[in-house]
Amino acid sequence: MSRLLLLGAGGQVGREIAAQAAGAGHELVALDHAGLDITDAAALARALATARPEVVINAAAYTAVDRAESEPERAHLINAVAPGLIAQACAEQGAALIHLSTDYVFDGTKPGAYVETDPVAPLGVYGASKEEGERAVRAALARHLIIRTSWVYGVYGANFLKTMLRLAAERDRLTIVADQRGCPTATRDIADGLLAAAPLLAAGTLAPGTYHFAGSGATSWFDFATAIVERAGLHTGRHPEVVPITTADYPTPARRPANSELSSAAFAQASGIRAAPWQDRVVEVVDTLLASPAG
């Protein structure tokens, strides 16, 4: 359907996109950080000239939210500078760009779901670097989609769901923050959504701009963890206690938004693309990871 260049192919989202692309009929060139330094403008230009993509998907990012507080230069280089270089290379090559961003561009004080036009106000280095990357993309390239997503998990890489499975196998009691809300988003939905959006962007049938795309439904980390542990128990027979705590009970170097809920209505209206309910994807991912799907 489209000729795509995927950056960040070694991450959890990138690996999912690479796994789904062939089945979706796309011609895909996938590069991880060993194959391309996205902070090198000349290397980016060579990669695009070689691949000649219609659409570049940038799934590369510095995502260590807490470590970013002590590595601001590294986070800025990857999340703020590199997206601008990628967008500039796309402009020179005549390619469109899909760039992944985050709910952490918001401060979490809004009582309801965030929409695309809400003012950004990141709380930490990670969110600030991602917001700056958004601005760099907008400044360099008209034909872009900036896709903000939330609470990403899946079968690849490191994520909250996989951490919960590990802890549930090791401990009889888990304490989980209950006063932060968001939309858990499976990498499968992100991959399917971006691969479906790419040809629409290339054809000009999906308006460029910033969109939110997250799992359907909002929940807390506590309820998310409870769903994971309950499903895992069908496989393992283990049923550790999951105990709610407050953000104040679990201090971290980086502040998190209390509300990360994203409204995906604008993207659904523009593209017809919707994510599955997060509860359904939790079942799928847990069953996949624990290898023997339960009843």
Protein backbone atom coordinates (compact mmCIF):
# COMPACT_ATOMS: atom_id res chain seq x y z
CA MET A 1 0.00 0.00 0.00
CA SER A 2 2.78 2.43 0.89
CA ARG A 3 6.55 2.56 0.86
CA LEU A 4 7.54 3.23 4.46
CA LEU A 5 10.72 3.97 6.38
CA LEU A 6 10.49 3.06 10.06
CA LEU A 7 12.88 4.69 12.54
CA GLY A 8 13.21 3.26 16.02
CA ALA A 9 12.62 -0.30 14.82
CA GLY A 10 14.23 -1.78 17.94
CA GLY A 11 11.78 -0.30 20.44
CA GLN A 12 8.51 -1.83 21.64
CA VAL A 13 6.38 0.18 19.20
CA GLY A 14 8.87 -0.16 16.34
CA ARG A 15 9.08 -3.93 16.72
CA GLU A 16 5.28 -4.17 16.63
CA ILE A 17 5.07 -2.00 13.51
CA ALA A 18 7.71 -4.11 11.78
CA ALA A 19 5.84 -7.28 12.72
CA GLN A 20 2.51 -5.97 11.35
CA ALA A 21 3.69 -4.13 8.24
CA ALA A 22 3.97 -7.03 5.81
CA GLY A 23 0.51 -8.31 6.68
CA ALA A 24 -0.85 -4.83 6.02
CA GLY A 25 0.67 -4.89 2.52
CA HIS A 26 3.32 -2.23 3.04
CA GLU A 27 6.86 -2.14 1.70
CA LEU A 28 8.90 -1.38 4.81
CA VAL A 29 12.51 -0.45 5.48
CA ALA A 30 13.10 -0.70 9.24
CA LEU A 31 16.11 0.90 10.95
CA ASP A 32 17.08 0.75 14.60
CA HIS A 33 19.61 2.94 16.37
CA ALA A 34 22.47 0.69 15.25
CA GLY A 35 21.38 1.12 11.63
CA LEU A 36 20.85 4.88 11.74
CA ASP A 37 21.85 7.70 14.07
CA ILE A 38 18.75 9.92 13.95
CA THR A 39 20.75 12.82 15.38
CA ASP A 40 22.99 12.85 12.26
CA ALA A 41 21.43 15.01 9.54
CA ALA A 42 23.70 13.65 6.80
CA ALA A 43 22.95 10.05 7.76
CA LEU A 44 19.22 10.80 7.73
CA ALA A 45 19.48 12.34 4.27
CA ARG A 46 21.31 9.26 2.97
CA ALA A 47 18.77 6.89 4.54
CA LEU A 48 15.82 8.68 2.97
CA ALA A 49 17.53 8.98 -0.40
CA THR A 50 18.16 5.23 -0.36
CA ALA A 51 14.75 4.11 0.92
CA ARG A 52 12.75 6.75 -1.00
CA PRO A 53 9.76 6.39 1.35
CA GLU A 54 6.37 7.91 0.83
CA VAL A 55 6.01 8.11 4.61
CA VAL A 56 8.54 8.00 7.42
CA ILE A 57 7.31 6.68 10.79
CA ASN A 58 9.40 7.94 13.69
CA ALA A 59 8.98 5.58 16.62
CA ALA A 60 12.42 6.43 18.04
CA ALA A 61 12.45 8.23 21.38
CA TYR A 62 14.17 8.62 24.72
CA THR A 63 11.46 7.18 26.98
CA ALA A 64 13.21 6.80 30.36
CA VAL A 65 11.01 9.35 32.12
CA ASP A 66 12.83 9.37 35.46
CA ARG A 67 16.34 9.09 34.04
CA ALA A 68 15.63 12.07 31.79
CA GLU A 69 15.70 14.28 34.88
CA SER A 70 19.42 13.50 35.23
CA GLU A 71 20.13 13.19 31.48
CA PRO A 72 18.37 16.26 30.05
CA GLU A 73 20.88 16.75 27.24
CA ARG A 74 20.41 13.20 25.97
CA ALA A 75 16.62 13.44 26.18
CA HIS A 76 16.68 16.79 24.37
CA LEU A 77 18.91 15.48 21.59
CA ILE A 78 16.75 12.44 20.82
CA ASN A 79 13.28 13.81 21.56
CA ALA A 80 13.61 17.46 20.50
CA VAL A 81 16.50 17.88 18.06
CA ALA A 82 16.23 14.61 16.11
CA PRO A 83 12.53 14.96 15.17
CA GLY A 84 13.31 18.32 13.60
CA LEU A 85 16.17 16.78 11.62
CA ILE A 86 13.92 13.92 10.51
CA ALA A 87 11.18 16.34 9.44
CA GLN A 88 13.71 18.42 7.51
CA ALA A 89 15.02 15.32 5.73
CA CYS A 90 11.43 14.39 4.86
CA ALA A 91 10.83 17.86 3.44
CA GLU A 92 13.93 17.60 1.26
CA GLN A 93 12.98 14.10 0.03
CA GLY A 94 9.26 14.86 -0.47
CA ALA A 95 8.15 12.34 2.15
CA ALA A 96 5.45 12.70 4.78
CA LEU A 97 6.16 11.99 8.46
CA ILE A 98 4.27 10.28 11.26
CA HIS A 99 5.86 11.19 14.58
CA LEU A 100 4.90 9.61 17.91
CA SER A 101 4.46 11.85 20.92
CA THR A 102 3.04 11.53 24.41
CA ASP A 103 0.41 12.44 26.97
CA TYR A 104 3.27 13.85 29.10
CA VAL A 105 3.12 17.12 27.17
CA PHE A 106 0.20 17.94 29.50
CA ASP A 107 0.33 18.74 33.22
CA GLY A 108 -2.61 16.49 34.16
CA THR A 109 -4.69 19.17 35.87
CA LYS A 110 -7.63 19.03 33.44
CA PRO A 111 -10.59 17.14 34.96
CA GLY A 112 -11.65 15.49 31.69
CA ALA A 113 -10.00 13.98 28.65
CA TYR A 114 -7.40 16.08 26.86
CA VAL A 115 -8.10 17.17 23.29
CA GLU A 116 -5.55 18.29 20.76
CA THR A 117 -6.17 22.00 21.26
CA ASP A 118 -5.62 21.97 25.03
CA PRO A 119 -2.57 23.96 26.13
CA VAL A 120 0.59 21.96 26.73
CA ALA A 121 2.42 22.29 30.06
CA PRO A 122 4.88 19.42 30.61
CA LEU A 123 5.91 18.66 34.17
CA GLY A 124 9.38 17.24 33.53
CA VAL A 125 12.32 16.89 31.19
CA TYR A 126 10.82 14.01 29.21
CA GLY A 127 7.53 15.78 28.50
CA ALA A 128 9.28 19.05 27.72
CA SER A 129 11.64 17.35 25.28
CA LYS A 130 8.74 15.64 23.50
CA GLU A 131 6.78 18.90 23.29
CA GLU A 132 9.80 20.63 21.79
CA GLY A 133 10.09 17.81 19.27
CA GLU A 134 6.48 18.38 18.25
CA ARG A 135 7.22 22.04 17.59
CA ALA A 136 10.31 21.15 15.57
CA VAL A 137 8.29 18.82 13.34
CA ARG A 138 5.59 21.44 12.76
CA ALA A 139 8.19 24.05 11.86
CA ALA A 140 10.04 21.88 9.34
CA LEU A 141 7.33 19.91 7.51
CA ALA A 142 3.71 20.55 6.56
CA ARG A 143 2.86 16.93 5.65
CA HIS A 144 3.04 15.38 9.10
CA LEU A 145 1.00 13.59 11.68
CA ILE A 146 1.98 14.02 15.31
CA ILE A 147 0.30 11.20 17.21
CA ARG A 148 0.12 11.54 20.98
CA THR A 149 -0.45 8.30 22.81
CA SER A 150 -0.55 7.11 26.41
CA TRP A 151 0.59 4.32 28.76
CA VAL A 152 2.08 2.10 26.05
CA TYR A 153 2.39 -1.67 26.59
CA GLY A 154 2.73 -4.81 24.50
CA VAL A 155 4.64 -8.02 23.97
CA TYR A 156 7.95 -6.34 23.08
CA GLY A 157 10.41 -4.38 25.16
CA ALA A 158 9.94 -3.13 28.69
CA ASN A 159 6.59 -1.78 29.88
CA PHE A 160 4.21 -1.63 32.83
CA LEU A 161 2.28 -4.77 31.91
CA LYS A 162 5.43 -6.89 31.70
CA THR A 163 6.68 -5.43 34.99
CA MET A 164 3.40 -6.40 36.64
CA LEU A 165 3.68 -9.97 35.32
CA ARG A 166 7.19 -10.24 36.75
CA LEU A 167 6.21 -8.80 40.13
CA ALA A 168 3.07 -10.94 40.33
CA ALA A 169 5.27 -14.03 39.87
CA GLU A 170 7.65 -12.90 42.62
CA ARG A 171 5.53 -11.21 45.29
CA ASP A 172 2.35 -11.81 47.25
CA ARG A 173 1.54 -8.10 47.59
CA LEU A 174 1.81 -5.32 45.01
CA THR A 175 1.35 -1.63 45.86
CA ILE A 176 0.20 0.40 42.85
CA VAL A 177 -0.56 4.10 42.41
CA ALA A 178 -4.32 4.67 42.21
CA ASP A 179 -4.58 8.46 41.80
CA GLN A 180 -3.19 8.78 38.28
CA ARG A 181 -5.51 8.16 35.30
CA GLY A 182 -4.76 7.42 31.67
CA CYS A 183 -5.59 5.33 28.62
CA PRO A 184 -3.51 2.13 28.41
CA THR A 185 -2.56 1.70 24.76
CA ALA A 186 -1.41 -1.56 23.21
CA THR A 187 1.44 -1.45 20.73
CA ARG A 188 -0.74 -3.54 18.42
CA ASP A 189 -3.27 -0.71 18.22
CA ILE A 190 -0.54 1.86 17.64
CA ALA A 191 1.00 -0.25 14.89
CA ASP A 192 -2.33 -0.97 13.21
CA GLY A 193 -3.35 2.67 13.51
CA LEU A 194 -0.16 4.15 12.08
CA LEU A 195 0.02 1.61 9.27
CA ALA A 196 -3.58 2.43 8.34
CA ALA A 197 -2.97 6.17 8.59
CA ALA A 198 0.21 6.19 6.48
CA PRO A 199 -1.43 5.68 3.06
CA LEU A 200 -4.16 8.18 3.98
CA LEU A 201 -1.53 10.79 4.78
CA ALA A 202 0.42 9.96 1.62
CA ALA A 203 -2.72 10.29 -0.49
CA GLY A 204 -3.78 13.53 1.14
CA THR A 205 -7.05 12.09 2.43
CA LEU A 206 -6.09 12.53 6.09
CA ALA A 207 -5.47 16.12 7.10
CA PRO A 208 -1.99 16.72 8.53
CA GLY A 209 -1.71 17.88 12.12
CA THR A 210 -1.66 16.72 15.71
CA TYR A 211 -3.95 13.91 16.87
CA HIS A 212 -4.51 11.83 19.96
CA PHE A 213 -4.69 8.05 19.59
CA ALA A 214 -4.91 5.90 22.70
CA GLY A 215 -6.61 2.77 23.95
CA SER A 216 -10.37 3.03 24.36
CA GLY A 217 -11.33 3.74 27.96
CA ALA A 218 -9.52 5.35 30.85
CA THR A 219 -8.39 3.79 34.11
CA SER A 220 -5.89 4.11 36.94
CA TRP A 221 -2.54 2.36 37.26
CA PHE A 222 -4.10 0.39 40.12
CA ASP A 223 -7.04 -0.86 38.06
CA PHE A 224 -4.74 -1.53 35.10
CA ALA A 225 -2.48 -3.62 37.33
CA THR A 226 -5.46 -5.44 38.83
CA ALA A 227 -6.68 -6.47 35.38
CA ILE A 228 -3.20 -7.71 34.45
CA VAL A 229 -2.74 -9.70 37.66
CA GLU A 230 -6.22 -11.23 37.46
CA ARG A 231 -5.67 -12.42 33.90
CA ALA A 232 -2.22 -13.73 34.72
CA GLY A 233 -3.67 -15.71 37.60
CA LEU A 234 -5.70 -17.83 35.16
CA HIS A 235 -2.37 -19.05 33.77
CA THR A 236 -0.21 -19.18 36.87
CA GLY A 237 -2.62 -19.86 39.70
CA ARG A 238 -1.02 -16.99 41.60
CA HIS A 239 -3.25 -14.25 42.99
CA PRO A 240 -1.16 -11.64 44.77
CA GLU A 241 -2.93 -8.83 46.61
CA VAL A 242 -2.98 -5.54 44.69
CA VAL A 243 -3.08 -2.59 47.07
CA PRO A 244 -3.85 1.02 46.05
CA ILE A 245 -1.46 3.79 47.11
CA THR A 246 -1.15 7.49 46.30
CA THR A 247 1.40 9.27 44.16
CA ALA A 248 2.78 10.76 47.38
CA ASP A 249 3.41 7.23 48.67
CA TYR A 250 5.62 6.45 45.65
CA PRO A 251 7.95 9.39 44.98
CA THR A 252 9.84 9.38 41.68
CA PRO A 253 12.45 11.72 40.19
CA ALA A 254 9.99 12.91 37.54
CA ARG A 255 6.52 14.24 38.29
CA ARG A 256 3.70 12.44 36.46
CA PRO A 257 0.43 14.01 35.28
CA ALA A 258 -2.45 13.01 37.53
CA ASN A 259 -4.71 12.86 34.47
CA SER A 260 -3.30 11.51 31.19
CA GLU A 261 -6.65 10.67 29.60
CA LEU A 262 -6.63 11.48 25.89
CA SER A 263 -9.69 11.90 23.70
CA SER A 264 -9.11 10.07 20.42
CA ALA A 265 -12.34 11.32 18.86
CA ALA A 266 -10.72 13.71 16.37
CA PHE A 267 -8.44 11.02 14.95
CA ALA A 268 -11.33 8.56 14.71
CA GLN A 269 -13.44 11.14 12.88
CA ALA A 270 -10.64 12.10 10.49
CA SER A 271 -9.35 8.60 9.74
CA GLY A 272 -11.98 6.08 10.81
CA ILE A 273 -9.30 4.44 12.97
CA ARG A 274 -10.08 3.45 16.57
CA ALA A 275 -8.18 1.48 19.19
CA ALA A 276 -9.66 -1.50 20.97
CA PRO A 277 -10.83 -1.28 24.59
CA TRP A 278 -7.76 -1.52 26.79
CA GLN A 279 -9.27 -4.43 28.75
CA ASP A 280 -9.46 -6.56 25.60
CA ARG A 281 -5.85 -5.89 24.68
CA VAL A 282 -4.67 -6.71 28.21
CA VAL A 283 -6.20 -10.16 27.83
CA GLU A 284 -4.51 -10.66 24.46
CA VAL A 285 -1.09 -9.49 25.61
CA VAL A 286 -1.10 -11.43 28.87
CA ASP A 287 -2.25 -14.57 27.07
CA THR A 288 0.46 -14.16 24.45
CA LEU A 289 3.21 -13.59 27.00
CA LEU A 290 2.15 -16.46 29.21
CA ALA A 291 1.95 -18.72 26.18
CA SER A 292 -1.16 -20.77 26.88
CA PRO A 293 -4.33 -18.72 26.42
CA ALA A 294 -6.89 -19.35 29.11
CA GLY A 295 -10.46 -20.29 28.35
